[in-house]
Amino acid sequence: NITKLVVPDFVTVEGCQFSVTGVAAKACYKFKKLKTVEIGNNVSTIGAQAFQECKKLKEVKLGRELTQIGYKCFYKDSKLKKVLIRSKKLKKVGKESMRGTPVKHYGIPEGCGKKYKKLLKKAE
């Protein structure tokens, strides 16, 4: 029943603070009501199929430390139109991670245009 997901920079467990550095594979696989996702700045990897087939997902904001997006991460997210990439460190975007989405324009950091276009082309 989650409509908005925010992956924080840190979590506190029993008084100890930990950085959140990744989103597991299939973490939100086929979440039917999920509309927006905001990934924290400490997250460096998003696992394979993490947000696959979230049919109502419209907007995704990715953090500043992101280096890798997994295989079929946003596959068949048929309403996904807005993706904001805040990281200048993105090195790998898995195959088919954006296939089946209507995203045609990505918000990307200044100076990363050519590199990211090449990476994101493989994702379609």
Protein backbone atom coordinates (compact mmCIF):
# COMPACT_ATOMS: atom_id res chain seq x y z
CA ASN A 1 0.00 0.00 0.00
CA ILE A 2 3.04 2.29 -0.16
CA THR A 3 2.63 5.23 -2.55
CA LYS A 4 5.82 7.17 -1.70
CA LEU A 5 9.15 5.63 -0.81
CA VAL A 6 12.06 7.59 0.62
CA VAL A 7 15.30 5.69 1.10
CA PRO A 8 17.12 7.70 3.80
CA ASP A 9 20.81 8.60 3.99
CA PHE A 10 21.10 6.97 7.43
CA VAL A 11 19.13 4.64 9.71
CA THR A 12 19.46 4.27 13.47
CA VAL A 13 19.28 0.81 15.04
CA GLU A 14 19.52 0.45 18.82
CA GLY A 15 21.23 3.82 19.10
CA CYS A 16 23.80 3.16 16.36
CA GLN A 17 23.68 5.09 13.10
CA PHE A 18 24.35 3.32 9.79
CA SER A 19 24.66 4.65 6.24
CA VAL A 20 22.18 3.23 3.75
CA THR A 21 24.37 2.28 0.78
CA GLY A 22 22.15 0.13 -1.40
CA VAL A 23 18.69 -0.96 -2.45
CA ALA A 24 18.36 -4.74 -2.67
CA ALA A 25 17.36 -6.65 -5.77
CA LYS A 26 13.55 -6.90 -6.10
CA ALA A 27 13.13 -4.60 -3.07
CA CYS A 28 9.90 -3.09 -4.45
CA TYR A 29 9.15 -5.58 -7.23
CA LYS A 30 5.58 -5.15 -8.50
CA PHE A 31 4.50 -2.67 -5.82
CA LYS A 32 1.12 -1.80 -7.30
CA LYS A 33 0.49 1.59 -5.64
CA LEU A 34 4.01 3.08 -5.57
CA LYS A 35 4.02 6.52 -7.28
CA THR A 36 7.26 8.25 -6.23
CA VAL A 37 10.71 7.12 -5.12
CA GLU A 38 13.50 9.22 -3.63
CA ILE A 39 16.84 7.51 -3.14
CA GLY A 40 19.16 8.90 -0.44
CA ASN A 41 22.53 10.45 -1.17
CA ASN A 42 24.57 7.59 0.38
CA VAL A 43 23.06 4.88 -1.83
CA SER A 44 25.64 3.70 -4.37
CA THR A 45 23.83 0.72 -5.91
CA ILE A 46 20.28 -0.19 -6.82
CA GLY A 47 19.82 -3.93 -7.33
CA ALA A 48 18.37 -5.81 -10.27
CA GLN A 49 14.60 -5.55 -10.70
CA ALA A 50 14.34 -3.34 -7.59
CA PHE A 51 11.39 -1.34 -8.95
CA GLN A 52 10.31 -3.57 -11.85
CA GLU A 53 6.66 -3.43 -12.91
CA CYS A 54 5.58 -0.71 -10.47
CA LYS A 55 2.75 0.25 -12.82
CA LYS A 56 1.88 3.57 -11.11
CA LEU A 57 5.44 4.81 -10.56
CA LYS A 58 5.70 8.32 -12.07
CA GLU A 59 8.78 9.98 -10.58
CA VAL A 60 12.21 8.87 -9.36
CA LYS A 61 14.94 10.99 -7.73
CA LEU A 62 18.34 9.33 -7.44
CA GLY A 63 21.00 10.36 -4.89
CA ARG A 64 24.45 11.92 -5.29
CA GLU A 65 26.59 8.81 -4.65
CA LEU A 66 24.84 6.44 -7.07
CA THR A 67 27.30 4.45 -9.22
CA GLN A 68 25.20 1.52 -10.45
CA ILE A 69 21.61 0.80 -11.50
CA GLY A 70 20.81 -2.90 -11.81
CA TYR A 71 19.39 -4.99 -14.64
CA LYS A 72 15.68 -4.33 -15.36
CA CYS A 73 15.54 -1.93 -12.41
CA PHE A 74 12.60 0.13 -13.74
CA TYR A 75 11.48 -2.37 -16.40
CA LYS A 76 7.86 -1.96 -17.53
CA ASP A 77 7.13 0.99 -15.23
CA SER A 78 4.59 2.19 -17.76
CA LYS A 79 3.88 5.60 -16.15
CA LEU A 80 7.46 6.58 -15.30
CA LYS A 81 8.06 9.94 -16.98
CA LYS A 82 10.45 11.81 -14.70
CA VAL A 83 13.88 10.59 -13.59
CA LEU A 84 16.25 12.98 -11.81
CA ILE A 85 19.83 11.75 -11.54
CA ARG A 86 21.79 13.84 -9.02
CA SER A 87 24.95 11.69 -9.10
CA LYS A 88 28.01 12.57 -11.15
CA LYS A 89 29.46 9.12 -10.38
CA LEU A 90 27.12 6.85 -12.34
CA LYS A 91 29.21 4.20 -14.11
CA LYS A 92 26.82 1.37 -14.96
CA VAL A 93 23.18 1.14 -15.97
CA GLY A 94 21.93 -2.42 -16.39
CA LYS A 95 20.44 -3.67 -19.63
CA GLU A 96 16.73 -3.13 -20.05
CA SER A 97 16.56 -1.12 -16.82
CA MET A 98 14.39 1.54 -18.51
CA ARG A 99 12.70 -0.64 -21.16
CA GLY A 100 8.93 -0.30 -21.23
CA THR A 101 8.94 3.18 -19.65
CA PRO A 102 7.85 6.40 -21.38
CA VAL A 103 10.90 8.31 -20.05
CA LYS A 104 12.47 10.27 -22.88
CA HIS A 105 14.20 12.99 -20.87
CA TYR A 106 16.35 12.62 -17.78
CA GLY A 107 17.42 15.30 -15.34
CA ILE A 108 21.20 14.90 -15.19
CA PRO A 109 24.05 16.84 -13.58
CA GLU A 110 25.84 19.46 -15.62
CA GLY A 111 28.82 18.09 -17.51
CA CYS A 112 27.58 14.49 -17.62
CA GLY A 113 25.41 14.71 -20.73
CA LYS A 114 27.37 12.67 -23.28
CA LYS A 115 28.47 9.99 -20.83
CA TYR A 116 25.00 9.50 -19.37
CA LYS A 117 23.24 9.48 -22.75
CA LYS A 118 25.46 6.57 -23.74
CA LEU A 119 24.76 4.71 -20.49
CA LEU A 120 21.01 5.31 -20.64
CA LYS A 121 20.76 4.27 -24.28
CA LYS A 122 21.83 0.76 -23.26
CA ALA A 123 19.07 0.77 -20.64
CA GLU A 124 16.28 1.04 -23.21
